């Protein structure tokens, strides 16, 4: 009882001022900041304090504005954290790469084998890989050239595009990117189901690159299989 009496006497002298401010449209948060009264006490005082429709609209408008501002700040905070995580991942990746000899032929062949295991064609009679990433396909072509002496005439390319994409322009793009002449590009396949929908500006379609030697596919898949089995066996002890 004593503590309740003390608590009431502590704020009683500003109670009417707080109620007056509320009736004139002040928010609970503003009153709390200006008078230093705890929000729980104010909420109890304002239970039966009516607000006009005008003041209710103003308070809602302020609350909505504050919410938008809070969301903007939250997005900025999350983006900043994401940039930090990306920078950390890039730094860790550089440290890992610094320990490798990137010019080592065996490492290049293992990397190619693992790429082919994940992305390469398994059932047809050619060594073939389709992808929308220029970097991945450039690596694929370069690795085949360096490891197995492939030449431009050993490759055949096929584009898979959306309906609104420019076939001639993208054939030139992939030809320049991969170092394979346009004469080695077969008929472009267009997905007419995409008619009427816009394509993202940076999307260059899917390019499928085939290499005439099926023996390379067999070797790459064998390397990848043995490597994965070896790692799995070591994990099992």
Foldseek 3Di string as FASTA:
>chain_A
DVVVVVVCVVCVVCLVVLLVCVQVQDDLVVSCVVVVDDSVVSCVSCVPRDHDPVSVVVVVVVVVVVVVVVVVVVVVVVVVVVVVVVVVVVVVVVVVVVVDDPVDLVVLLLVLLVCCVVAWDDPDQWTKGKDQDLVVVLSNLVNCCVNPVDDLVQKAKEFEEEPPDDPVVLLVVSCVSNVHDSVRYDDYHYDPVNPPPDDDPPGSGMMMMTGHDSVSVVVSPVSNVVVVVVVVVVVVD
